[in-house]
Protein backbone atom coordinates (compact mmCIF):
# COMPACT_ATOMS: atom_id res chain seq x y z
CA MET A 1 92.52 50.61 -45.44
CA PRO A 2 89.81 47.41 -45.35
CA GLN A 3 89.19 46.52 -41.52
CA LYS A 4 89.95 43.20 -40.38
CA PRO A 5 87.16 40.28 -40.68
CA ASP A 6 85.43 40.39 -37.01
CA ASN A 7 86.39 36.76 -35.48
CA THR A 8 84.99 38.14 -32.13
CA VAL A 9 82.13 35.87 -32.01
CA PRO A 10 83.55 32.77 -31.50
CA LEU A 11 86.05 33.67 -29.51
CA PHE A 12 83.01 35.12 -27.27
CA SER A 13 81.31 32.17 -27.39
CA ASN A 14 84.20 30.24 -26.27
CA TYR A 15 84.82 32.19 -22.99
CA ILE A 16 81.16 31.57 -21.87
CA SER A 17 82.26 28.04 -22.73
CA ARG A 18 84.88 28.37 -20.41
CA GLN A 19 82.70 29.56 -17.80
CA ILE A 20 79.89 26.70 -18.04
CA GLN A 21 82.14 23.42 -16.82
CA VAL A 22 78.84 21.34 -16.91
CA GLY A 23 77.44 22.57 -20.18
CA LYS A 24 77.46 19.95 -21.99
CA LEU A 25 75.85 17.29 -19.70
CA PHE A 26 72.25 17.59 -20.45
CA LEU A 27 70.76 15.69 -17.74
CA GLY A 28 67.28 14.03 -18.40
CA ALA A 29 68.12 15.60 -22.09
CA HIS A 30 65.93 12.86 -23.35
CA ASN A 31 62.55 15.01 -22.08
CA PRO A 32 61.71 18.10 -22.79
CA VAL A 33 61.63 21.22 -20.36
CA ARG A 34 58.46 21.62 -18.94
CA ILE A 35 56.71 24.66 -17.17
CA GLN A 36 55.26 24.87 -13.92
CA SER A 37 53.41 27.16 -11.43
CA MET A 38 51.38 27.14 -8.71
CA VAL A 39 47.86 28.14 -8.00
CA ASN A 40 47.23 31.19 -5.00
CA THR A 41 43.72 29.86 -4.09
CA SER A 42 42.58 28.39 -1.15
CA THR A 43 43.15 24.42 -1.81
CA LEU A 44 39.98 23.85 0.53
CA ASN A 45 38.08 26.19 -2.01
CA THR A 46 37.99 23.30 -5.02
CA LEU A 47 35.91 25.58 -7.76
CA ALA A 48 38.35 28.75 -7.48
CA THR A 49 41.39 26.35 -7.46
CA VAL A 50 40.03 24.09 -10.23
CA ASN A 51 39.36 27.55 -12.28
CA GLN A 52 42.77 28.60 -11.63
CA ILE A 53 44.79 25.28 -12.80
CA ARG A 54 42.27 25.83 -15.84
CA GLU A 55 43.77 29.21 -16.68
CA LEU A 56 46.91 27.84 -15.90
CA SER A 57 46.82 24.97 -18.46
CA ASP A 58 45.35 27.31 -21.04
CA ALA A 59 48.02 29.72 -21.00
CA GLY A 60 50.87 26.10 -21.38
CA CYS A 61 51.74 25.58 -17.56
CA GLU A 62 52.31 21.83 -17.61
CA ILE A 63 52.44 20.73 -14.04
CA VAL A 64 51.06 23.28 -11.15
CA ARG A 65 51.63 23.27 -7.57
CA LEU A 66 49.31 23.34 -4.76
CA THR A 67 49.98 24.46 -0.80
CA VAL A 68 48.40 22.19 1.71
CA GLN A 69 48.81 23.48 5.13
CA ASP A 70 46.62 20.60 7.49
CA ARG A 71 44.82 17.92 7.06
CA LYS A 72 41.57 19.40 5.93
CA GLU A 73 43.62 20.96 2.89
CA ALA A 74 45.18 17.57 2.21
CA GLY A 75 41.92 15.55 2.72
CA ASN A 76 39.84 18.01 -0.14
CA LEU A 77 43.08 16.91 -2.33
CA PRO A 78 40.80 13.91 -4.33
CA VAL A 79 37.87 16.30 -4.65
CA ILE A 80 40.17 19.15 -6.63
CA LYS A 81 41.42 15.49 -8.63
CA LYS A 82 38.36 14.48 -9.30
CA GLU A 83 36.75 17.59 -10.45
CA LEU A 84 39.77 18.50 -12.42
CA ILE A 85 39.34 14.89 -14.20
CA ARG A 86 35.39 15.26 -14.54
CA GLN A 87 36.29 18.97 -16.28
CA GLY A 88 38.89 16.85 -18.70
CA LEU A 89 42.05 18.74 -17.02
CA HIS A 90 44.92 15.47 -16.42
CA ILE A 91 47.50 18.27 -15.39
CA PRO A 92 49.83 16.89 -12.93
CA LEU A 93 49.70 18.36 -9.26
CA VAL A 94 52.15 18.76 -6.40
CA ALA A 95 51.24 19.00 -3.02
CA ASP A 96 53.23 21.75 -0.99
CA ILE A 97 54.55 20.81 2.23
CA HIS A 98 55.31 23.50 5.00
CA PHE A 99 56.18 22.23 9.01
CA ARG A 100 54.33 19.05 9.21
CA PRO A 101 56.02 16.18 7.38
CA GLU A 102 52.84 14.21 7.82
CA LEU A 103 50.88 16.49 5.75
CA ALA A 104 53.23 14.48 2.80
CA GLU A 105 52.04 11.06 3.69
CA ILE A 106 48.43 12.34 3.38
CA ALA A 107 49.19 14.04 -0.14
CA ALA A 108 51.07 11.43 -1.42
CA HIS A 109 47.96 8.97 -2.03
CA PHE A 110 46.42 11.81 -4.58
CA VAL A 111 48.80 14.10 -5.99
CA GLU A 112 51.74 13.14 -8.33
CA LYS A 113 54.56 14.75 -6.83
CA VAL A 114 54.63 16.14 -3.30
CA ARG A 115 57.41 18.88 -2.71
CA ILE A 116 58.97 18.55 0.94
CA ASN A 117 61.66 20.98 2.66
CA PRO A 118 64.96 19.05 4.46
CA GLY A 119 64.71 21.99 6.96
CA ASN A 120 60.96 20.19 8.16
CA TYR A 121 62.85 16.84 9.03
CA VAL A 122 65.46 18.10 11.43
CA ASP A 123 65.66 19.46 15.09
CA ARG A 124 65.46 23.16 15.19
CA ASN A 125 66.86 25.27 17.75
CA ARG A 126 69.13 23.71 19.64
CA GLU A 127 71.59 26.38 19.44
CA LYS A 128 75.05 23.94 19.02
CA PRO A 129 78.39 25.87 18.21
CA GLU A 130 79.49 22.99 16.34
CA TYR A 131 78.62 19.47 15.53
CA SER A 132 80.70 16.39 15.46
CA GLY A 133 80.64 13.50 12.89
CA LYS A 134 78.74 11.57 15.48
CA ASP A 135 76.06 14.33 15.53
CA THR A 136 75.88 14.37 11.72
CA ALA A 137 75.20 10.39 11.86
CA LEU A 138 72.48 10.96 14.65
CA ALA A 139 70.74 13.85 12.66
CA LEU A 140 70.45 11.72 9.56
CA GLU A 141 69.75 8.49 11.39
CA LYS A 142 66.34 10.58 12.34
CA ILE A 143 66.07 12.13 8.80
CA ASN A 144 65.55 8.49 7.80
CA GLU A 145 63.19 7.45 10.05
CA ARG A 146 61.30 10.45 9.58
CA LEU A 147 60.97 10.57 6.02
CA SER A 148 60.61 6.35 5.87
CA PRO A 149 56.88 6.37 6.03
CA LEU A 150 56.73 8.95 2.87
CA LEU A 151 59.02 6.93 0.83
CA LYS A 152 57.22 3.58 1.38
CA ILE A 153 53.78 5.71 0.37
CA CYS A 154 55.43 7.11 -2.59
CA LYS A 155 56.61 3.88 -3.97
CA GLN A 156 53.13 1.81 -3.59
CA LYS A 157 51.34 4.93 -5.32
CA GLY A 158 53.98 5.55 -7.74
CA THR A 159 54.42 9.36 -6.34
CA ALA A 160 57.26 11.28 -7.12
CA ILE A 161 58.94 13.77 -4.37
CA ARG A 162 60.15 16.83 -5.33
CA ILE A 163 63.43 17.66 -2.58
CA GLY A 164 63.19 21.83 -2.38
CA VAL A 165 65.60 23.34 -0.38
CA ASN A 166 65.24 27.35 -0.38
CA HIS A 167 68.35 29.61 0.61
CA GLY A 168 66.46 30.97 3.77
CA SER A 169 64.83 27.58 5.36
CA LEU A 170 68.46 25.79 5.58
CA SER A 171 68.84 23.57 8.95
CA GLU A 172 70.93 24.77 11.95
CA ARG A 173 73.25 22.36 11.59
CA ILE A 174 73.72 22.45 7.89
CA LEU A 175 74.19 26.29 8.14
CA VAL A 176 76.78 25.69 10.92
CA MET A 177 78.94 23.20 9.23
CA TYR A 178 78.39 25.46 5.39
CA GLY A 179 77.05 28.66 6.45
CA ASN A 180 74.08 30.43 4.51
CA THR A 181 75.62 29.85 0.91
CA PRO A 182 75.28 27.51 -2.12
CA GLU A 183 77.38 24.23 -0.65
CA GLY A 184 74.87 24.79 1.94
CA LEU A 185 71.99 24.44 -0.23
CA VAL A 186 74.01 21.33 -2.13
CA GLU A 187 74.53 19.63 0.99
CA SER A 188 71.10 20.10 2.35
CA ALA A 189 69.29 18.24 -0.83
CA MET A 190 71.98 15.61 -0.84
CA GLU A 191 71.99 14.11 2.30
CA PHE A 192 68.18 13.31 1.31
CA VAL A 193 69.08 12.28 -2.31
CA ARG A 194 71.50 9.46 -0.13
CA ILE A 195 68.95 8.56 2.27
CA CYS A 196 65.90 7.96 -0.49
CA HIS A 197 68.59 5.90 -2.74
CA ARG A 198 69.56 3.81 -0.09
CA GLU A 199 65.99 3.33 0.95
CA GLY A 200 65.79 1.90 -2.63
CA PHE A 201 63.89 4.95 -4.07
CA ASP A 202 64.87 7.11 -6.69
CA ASN A 203 61.71 9.20 -8.31
CA LEU A 204 62.91 12.20 -7.35
CA THR A 205 63.19 16.47 -8.54
CA LEU A 206 65.85 18.02 -7.14
CA SER A 207 65.24 21.91 -6.40
CA LEU A 208 67.58 24.72 -4.57
CA LYS A 209 66.10 28.12 -4.89
CA ALA A 210 67.39 31.66 -4.30
CA SER A 211 65.77 35.22 -4.38
CA GLN A 212 69.41 36.03 -5.40
CA VAL A 213 70.74 34.70 -8.98
CA PRO A 214 74.21 34.45 -8.60
CA THR A 215 73.64 32.10 -5.51
CA MET A 216 70.77 30.19 -7.34
CA ILE A 217 73.07 29.63 -10.32
CA GLU A 218 76.03 28.41 -8.17
CA ALA A 219 74.29 26.26 -6.07
CA ASN A 220 72.48 24.51 -9.25
CA LYS A 221 76.26 24.27 -10.69
CA ILE A 222 77.57 22.54 -7.87
CA LEU A 223 74.90 20.25 -7.62
CA VAL A 224 74.96 19.27 -11.19
CA GLU A 225 78.74 18.10 -10.53
CA LYS A 226 78.07 16.48 -6.96
CA MET A 227 75.14 14.31 -8.80
CA ILE A 228 77.70 13.09 -11.51
CA ALA A 229 80.28 12.37 -8.33
CA GLY A 230 77.92 10.55 -6.62
CA GLY A 231 76.12 8.49 -10.05
CA PHE A 232 73.29 10.52 -9.34
CA ASN A 233 71.11 12.07 -12.38
CA TYR A 234 67.73 13.32 -11.21
CA PRO A 235 65.64 15.95 -12.49
CA ILE A 236 66.24 19.97 -11.86
CA HIS A 237 63.35 22.01 -11.00
CA LEU A 238 64.52 25.54 -11.59
CA GLY A 239 63.34 29.21 -9.95
CA VAL A 240 64.32 32.28 -8.79
CA THR A 241 62.41 32.54 -5.65
CA GLU A 242 60.67 35.68 -4.23
CA ALA A 243 61.87 37.51 -7.40
CA GLY A 244 59.28 40.37 -7.05
CA SER A 245 56.76 41.77 -9.62
CA GLY A 246 57.40 43.92 -12.81
CA GLU A 247 60.03 43.95 -15.44
CA GLU A 248 63.00 43.44 -12.97
CA ALA A 249 61.36 40.14 -11.23
CA ARG A 250 60.94 38.85 -15.27
CA ILE A 251 64.39 40.05 -15.71
CA LYS A 252 65.89 38.22 -12.76
CA SER A 253 63.96 34.97 -13.05
CA ILE A 254 65.40 35.11 -17.00
CA ALA A 255 68.88 35.68 -15.28
CA GLY A 256 68.65 33.11 -13.44
CA ILE A 257 66.96 29.95 -15.43
CA GLY A 258 67.72 31.14 -18.59
CA SER A 259 71.65 30.51 -17.38
CA LEU A 260 70.96 27.54 -16.31
CA LEU A 261 68.85 26.29 -19.57
CA ALA A 262 71.86 27.67 -21.43
CA MET A 263 74.17 24.93 -19.61
CA GLY A 264 72.03 22.37 -20.19
CA ILE A 265 70.96 22.46 -16.27
CA GLY A 266 66.91 21.95 -16.01
CA ASP A 267 64.47 20.01 -16.58
CA THR A 268 61.15 21.69 -14.88
CA VAL A 269 61.06 25.85 -14.63
CA ARG A 270 59.23 28.38 -13.06
CA VAL A 271 58.98 31.97 -13.31
CA SER A 272 57.90 33.21 -9.58
CA LEU A 273 56.05 36.76 -9.49
CA THR A 274 54.22 38.72 -7.39
CA GLU A 275 51.53 38.46 -9.19
CA ASN A 276 48.41 36.74 -11.19
CA PRO A 277 50.34 32.92 -11.71
CA VAL A 278 48.63 33.18 -15.51
CA ASN A 279 51.62 36.52 -16.00
CA GLU A 280 54.23 33.59 -15.50
CA ILE A 281 53.33 31.48 -18.29
CA PRO A 282 54.13 33.73 -21.28
CA VAL A 283 58.19 34.47 -19.59
CA ALA A 284 58.55 30.77 -18.75
CA LYS A 285 57.32 29.90 -22.61
CA GLU A 286 60.13 32.07 -23.87
CA LEU A 287 62.37 30.84 -21.88
CA VAL A 288 61.78 27.39 -22.90
CA LYS A 289 61.50 28.00 -26.22
CA TYR A 290 65.33 29.53 -26.67
CA TYR A 291 66.98 27.55 -24.05
CA GLY A 292 65.11 24.44 -23.20
CA ARG A 293 67.21 21.31 -24.67
CA ASN A 294 69.12 23.77 -27.07
CA LYS A 295 72.70 22.32 -27.25
CA LYS A 296 73.44 25.02 -29.99
CA ALA A 297 72.25 27.50 -27.44
CA ILE A 298 75.76 28.84 -25.94
CA ASN A 299 77.42 29.41 -29.59
CA GLU A 300 74.16 31.19 -30.58
CA THR A 301 74.47 33.66 -28.09
CA ILE A 302 75.92 36.50 -29.43
CA ARG A 303 75.40 37.85 -33.09
CA HIS A 304 77.73 40.06 -32.58
CA ALA A 305 80.14 41.08 -29.59
CA THR A 306 83.22 43.13 -29.46
CA ALA A 307 86.08 44.27 -26.49
CA TYR A 308 87.49 47.83 -26.19
CA LYS A 309 90.00 48.20 -23.74
CA LEU A 310 90.92 51.54 -22.40
CA GLN A 311 94.24 53.82 -23.01
CA PRO A 312 97.40 53.11 -20.48
CA GLY A 313 96.60 54.25 -16.99
CA GLU A 314 92.87 54.13 -17.20
CA THR A 315 90.25 52.49 -15.34
CA LEU A 316 86.16 52.28 -15.41
CA LYS A 317 86.62 53.32 -11.69
CA ASN A 318 88.91 56.11 -12.74
CA ILE A 319 87.09 57.47 -15.08
CA THR A 320 83.33 56.97 -14.06
CA GLY A 321 83.29 56.20 -10.09
CA GLN A 322 81.59 52.93 -11.28
CA ARG A 323 83.08 49.42 -11.62
CA PHE A 324 80.12 48.74 -13.92
CA PRO A 325 79.21 51.73 -16.41
CA VAL A 326 77.02 51.56 -18.99
CA VAL A 327 77.73 52.74 -22.43
CA VAL A 328 75.83 54.35 -25.11
CA THR A 329 75.81 56.67 -28.63
CA GLY A 330 73.18 58.51 -28.46
CA ILE A 331 71.72 60.69 -24.97
CA SER A 332 70.66 59.50 -21.99
CA GLU A 333 70.58 61.02 -19.22
CA LYS A 334 71.10 57.13 -17.73
CA ALA A 335 73.91 56.21 -18.58
CA GLU A 336 77.64 57.06 -17.18
CA LEU A 337 79.62 56.61 -20.67
CA ARG A 338 79.39 57.78 -24.09
CA TYR A 339 81.10 56.44 -27.42
CA ASP A 340 82.49 58.50 -29.80
CA ALA A 341 83.11 56.05 -32.67
CA LYS A 342 84.64 59.16 -35.08
CA GLN A 343 87.43 59.98 -32.06
CA GLY A 344 87.51 56.36 -30.26
CA THR A 345 86.67 58.00 -27.35
CA LEU A 346 84.40 57.38 -24.46
CA VAL A 347 83.12 60.65 -22.75
CA SER A 348 82.16 60.54 -19.25
CA GLY A 349 79.43 63.40 -17.64
CA ALA A 350 81.86 64.81 -16.28
CA ASN A 351 83.25 65.35 -20.10
CA ARG A 352 86.48 63.23 -19.29
CA LYS A 353 87.10 61.68 -21.81
CA CYS A 354 89.89 58.53 -22.63
CA ASN A 355 91.02 57.09 -25.66
CA ILE A 356 89.48 52.84 -26.31
CA GLN A 357 90.61 50.60 -29.03
CA PRO A 358 89.49 47.45 -30.05
CA VAL A 359 90.74 43.84 -29.02
CA GLN A 360 90.49 40.43 -29.32
CA GLU A 361 91.23 39.24 -25.69
CA PHE A 362 87.26 37.85 -24.10
CA PRO A 363 89.03 35.57 -21.96
CA VAL A 364 90.29 38.75 -20.04
CA LEU A 365 86.88 40.55 -19.29
CA GLU A 366 88.64 42.72 -16.62
CA ASN A 367 88.74 46.37 -17.00
CA ARG A 368 87.40 46.18 -20.60
CA ILE A 369 84.22 47.98 -22.56
CA VAL A 370 82.09 44.89 -23.68
CA LYS A 371 79.76 45.99 -27.17
CA ILE A 372 77.25 43.41 -28.02
CA SER A 373 74.52 44.12 -30.72
CA TYR A 374 71.29 42.58 -31.26
CA PRO A 375 70.14 44.12 -34.67
CA GLY A 376 66.64 43.86 -35.38
CA LEU A 377 65.53 42.17 -32.24
CA SER A 378 61.89 42.83 -31.05
CA SER A 379 62.04 43.99 -27.23
CA GLY A 380 60.91 40.37 -25.69
CA GLU A 381 63.73 38.76 -27.56
CA LEU A 382 65.89 41.25 -26.66
CA ARG A 383 65.03 41.48 -23.04
CA ILE A 384 65.65 37.21 -23.05
CA ARG A 385 68.75 36.93 -25.23
CA ALA A 386 70.85 40.09 -23.32
CA THR A 387 69.67 38.83 -20.09
CA VAL A 388 71.24 35.55 -19.99
CA ASP A 389 74.22 36.44 -22.28
CA ILE A 390 75.79 39.49 -19.73
CA THR A 391 74.92 37.09 -16.85
CA LEU A 392 77.03 34.55 -17.88
CA MET A 393 79.66 37.17 -19.62
CA VAL A 394 79.48 39.07 -15.97
CA GLY A 395 79.47 35.96 -14.03
CA GLN A 396 83.27 35.70 -13.08
CA THR A 397 83.93 39.81 -14.11
CA SER A 398 84.61 42.56 -10.79
CA SER A 399 84.77 45.58 -13.65
CA ALA A 400 83.46 45.92 -17.13
CA GLY A 401 81.83 47.73 -19.10
CA LEU A 402 78.35 47.56 -20.96
CA TYR A 403 77.80 49.05 -23.91
CA LEU A 404 73.90 47.29 -25.48
CA GLU A 405 73.17 47.98 -29.21
CA ASN A 406 69.82 46.80 -30.52
CA GLY A 407 70.19 48.85 -34.37
CA GLU A 408 67.78 51.65 -34.66
CA THR A 409 64.99 49.01 -32.36
CA GLU A 410 65.25 50.31 -29.24
CA LYS A 411 66.37 54.13 -27.78
CA SER A 412 68.94 54.44 -25.60
CA ASP A 413 67.45 55.14 -22.34
CA HIS A 414 65.62 51.50 -22.85
CA LEU A 415 69.04 49.71 -23.58
CA VAL A 416 70.32 51.64 -20.65
CA ASP A 417 67.29 50.46 -18.19
CA LEU A 418 67.82 47.18 -19.61
CA SER A 419 71.52 46.86 -18.91
CA LEU A 420 71.18 48.30 -15.55
CA LYS A 421 68.44 45.74 -14.26
CA ILE A 422 70.79 42.62 -16.18
CA LEU A 423 73.86 43.98 -14.08
CA GLN A 424 71.18 44.22 -10.51
CA ALA A 425 69.56 40.47 -11.32
CA ALA A 426 73.48 39.72 -11.96
CA GLY A 427 74.45 41.40 -8.85
CA LYS A 428 77.00 43.27 -10.29
CA ARG A 429 75.53 46.74 -9.74
CA PHE A 430 72.54 48.33 -7.76
CA SER A 431 71.11 50.94 -9.41
CA HIS A 432 67.40 50.84 -7.42
CA ALA A 433 66.10 49.16 -3.94
CA GLU A 434 65.82 45.30 -4.52
CA PHE A 435 62.77 43.75 -4.14
CA ILE A 436 62.39 40.59 -2.20
CA ALA A 437 58.49 39.29 -2.65
CA CYS A 438 57.14 36.00 -2.47
CA PRO A 439 54.55 35.21 -5.87
CA SER A 440 51.67 34.35 -3.10
CA CYS A 441 49.71 31.25 -2.63
CA GLY A 442 46.99 29.73 -0.80
CA ARG A 443 49.14 31.07 2.41
CA THR A 444 48.83 34.45 2.24
CA ARG A 445 46.05 36.20 4.15
CA PHE A 446 46.67 40.21 2.63
CA ASN A 447 46.62 41.60 -0.57
CA ILE A 448 50.36 41.08 -1.45
CA PHE A 449 50.35 42.13 -5.17
CA LYS A 450 48.89 45.75 -3.81
CA LYS A 451 51.02 46.09 -1.50
CA LEU A 452 54.37 45.56 -3.16
CA GLU A 453 53.45 47.76 -5.25
CA ALA A 454 52.97 50.42 -3.22
CA VAL A 455 56.39 49.53 -1.17
CA LYS A 456 57.37 50.26 -4.76
CA SER A 457 56.27 53.09 -5.44
CA LYS A 458 57.59 54.52 -2.45
CA THR A 459 60.87 53.36 -1.94
CA ALA A 460 62.46 51.83 -5.20
CA HIS A 461 64.69 55.15 -5.06
CA LEU A 462 66.36 53.63 -2.49
CA LYS A 463 69.54 53.02 -4.50
CA GLY A 464 71.35 49.56 -2.58
CA LEU A 465 68.36 48.70 -0.15
CA LYS A 466 66.86 45.61 0.35
CA ILE A 467 63.33 45.45 1.20
CA ALA A 468 61.07 42.02 1.74
CA VAL A 469 57.39 42.13 1.15
CA MET A 470 56.34 37.86 1.89
CA GLY A 471 53.18 36.79 1.74
CA CYS A 472 53.57 34.38 5.78
CA ILE A 473 55.70 32.99 7.92
CA VAL A 474 56.81 29.70 5.70
CA ASN A 475 59.54 31.36 3.85
CA GLY A 476 59.34 34.79 5.44
CA PRO A 477 61.54 34.89 7.84
CA GLY A 478 64.49 32.83 6.21
CA GLU A 479 64.10 34.07 2.80
CA MET A 480 64.29 37.89 3.73
CA GLY A 481 67.50 36.84 5.95
CA ASP A 482 69.55 39.86 3.88
CA ALA A 483 66.97 42.33 3.74
CA ASP A 484 67.75 45.69 5.35
CA TYR A 485 63.82 46.17 5.84
CA GLY A 486 60.98 43.31 5.83
CA PHE A 487 56.96 43.64 5.60
CA MET A 488 55.61 39.82 6.09
CA GLY A 489 51.84 38.70 6.32
CA SER A 490 50.88 37.80 9.91
CA GLY A 491 47.57 37.20 9.53
CA PRO A 492 44.10 37.86 7.78
CA GLY A 493 44.80 41.68 6.58
CA LYS A 494 47.59 41.91 9.66
CA VAL A 495 51.21 42.44 8.15
CA THR A 496 54.56 42.35 10.56
CA LEU A 497 57.75 44.70 10.20
CA TYR A 498 61.09 43.81 10.64
CA LYS A 499 64.32 45.54 10.39
CA SER A 500 66.80 43.15 9.19
CA GLN A 501 65.95 40.01 11.21
CA GLU A 502 64.20 41.46 14.22
CA PRO A 503 60.32 42.25 14.15
CA VAL A 504 59.75 45.46 15.40
CA LEU A 505 56.14 46.50 14.21
CA LYS A 506 53.73 43.31 14.67
CA ASN A 507 50.31 42.54 13.50
CA ILE A 508 49.52 46.39 12.14
CA ASP A 509 46.38 46.70 9.61
CA GLU A 510 47.57 46.25 5.89
CA SER A 511 45.89 49.74 5.40
CA GLU A 512 48.46 51.42 7.58
CA ALA A 513 51.65 48.96 6.69
CA VAL A 514 53.42 50.78 4.18
CA ASN A 515 53.33 54.15 6.09
CA ALA A 516 54.32 52.48 9.19
CA LEU A 517 57.30 50.87 6.76
CA ILE A 518 58.23 54.06 5.58
CA ASN A 519 58.22 55.86 8.77
CA LEU A 520 60.96 52.64 9.92
CA ILE A 521 63.00 53.19 7.21
CA LYS A 522 63.54 57.12 7.92
CA LYS A 523 64.08 55.89 11.48
CA GLY A 524 66.70 53.69 10.51
CA GLY A 525 68.71 55.94 8.83
CA ASP A 526 68.51 54.60 5.47
CA TRP A 527 65.67 57.39 3.96
CA VAL A 528 66.73 59.83 1.41
CA VAL A 529 64.48 62.53 -0.46
CA PRO A 530 64.32 61.67 -4.71
CA GLU A 531 66.30 63.38 -6.51
CA LYS A 532 65.48 65.12 -9.83
CA ARG A 533 67.97 63.89 -12.16
CA THR A 534 69.76 66.54 -14.44
CA THR A 535 71.04 65.20 -18.09
CA PHE A 536 74.13 63.73 -18.62
CA PHE A 537 76.72 64.77 -21.29
CA LYS A 538 74.47 68.04 -21.31
CA LYS A 539 78.25 70.11 -21.22
CA ILE A 540 78.99 68.66 -24.29
CA LEU A 541 76.00 68.20 -26.50
């Protein structure tokens, strides 16, 4: 009997479109999406900073951020700018300001943009259990007073301001009123937007970042809705902060940035990696190539997709004990289910069988197996396309099986690994430890690249555990707020270890810190011995 024509692709695209309520806005769509990175050199070291900016520019970076911690660093900005111009480099610079708003007022004279954090313009540690309307009005009056000098300078010099809010740096008042939520991120930024607009300053870029992809995506979607409601249209900078290193970090960044670009959200992007900053640029270029200002991105995301429903009375949880199992057709020791095309059945590792049949119910993905095929794509293309598609697909889904195919280009184990990493990035399933690690900058005073890799090599098997490796105190305590254990730079060659948000071992030598972390995890009862995996399906093959 001839098969019916496959019309699941438009159905699937329509499903994705329904998840994207702001997808056709394309804020600032007349401009191309631009790529940004940040140097990790000391701003006092002119030669090293200029050399790294050149490397980034040669790789394709279009905007460079550098840290400004004190007046000396702020005073060296014109020296760096002069040397860049002497060498023929006319790349825009962004001064990254933390804790000391007055430094932004100095930096604004010499760079194209200053990045400020709303949390630095408010009173801290007031420990108020609640805030009244009067309290909020007084707080906003103080913010206006503290922000006004910077706005005047930026107007005179033509300097832009990036309002950058991180998930771990919300003010006490915002936390009390909104919690550490996407709504809190948005309101923290919008308070500053309203003040700037009232003062007649609109040369703004907005940035809402989080280390957790779902939080980052949701915050930016809400931000766009709030801007539309308020009559604003400011550029948005995208990034998943503290993404870490390696393949997992790239997939987290692709999931967050790529999904929003596919919705039409985003004007500049930064892929934050705890690696050489130059390594960030190729991933960012791929994202911009596929999804930057591509109005057809949503409808072109999936070349072929099919959904299967289970036989009556069965659930994925019952069959595998897993709400988001991975399906293969070949042999893989890492997948929970194998699809037998001849029999039309799913077979679990425990040799339990379940009949399935194709359906065209993409708006209903709960407890369905979703098969997505990308025939002939290269590994790089597959990583980009599959990560964005799957992240969009599972956004509001609590249980679904993932069946990823790429013809014969990729082996089953590789497809399973990719599927698991995407599901973890999307916050749907944790198959290894979650690492929260900052990308390093001029504030870092220990070798964070090597230490992160050492921590990962010893602890990656601790499934579900969140471990933070942070370069300094600026974002460290806040961004690792929901981590189980933290490894934070506290001075030159020194590290402080945390359990939850409490510092346990302070200022220990970085050479001893990894072993000390492992001992702390063991003491906390969270250590398990790595298991030797046995091959799934060996009973039936």
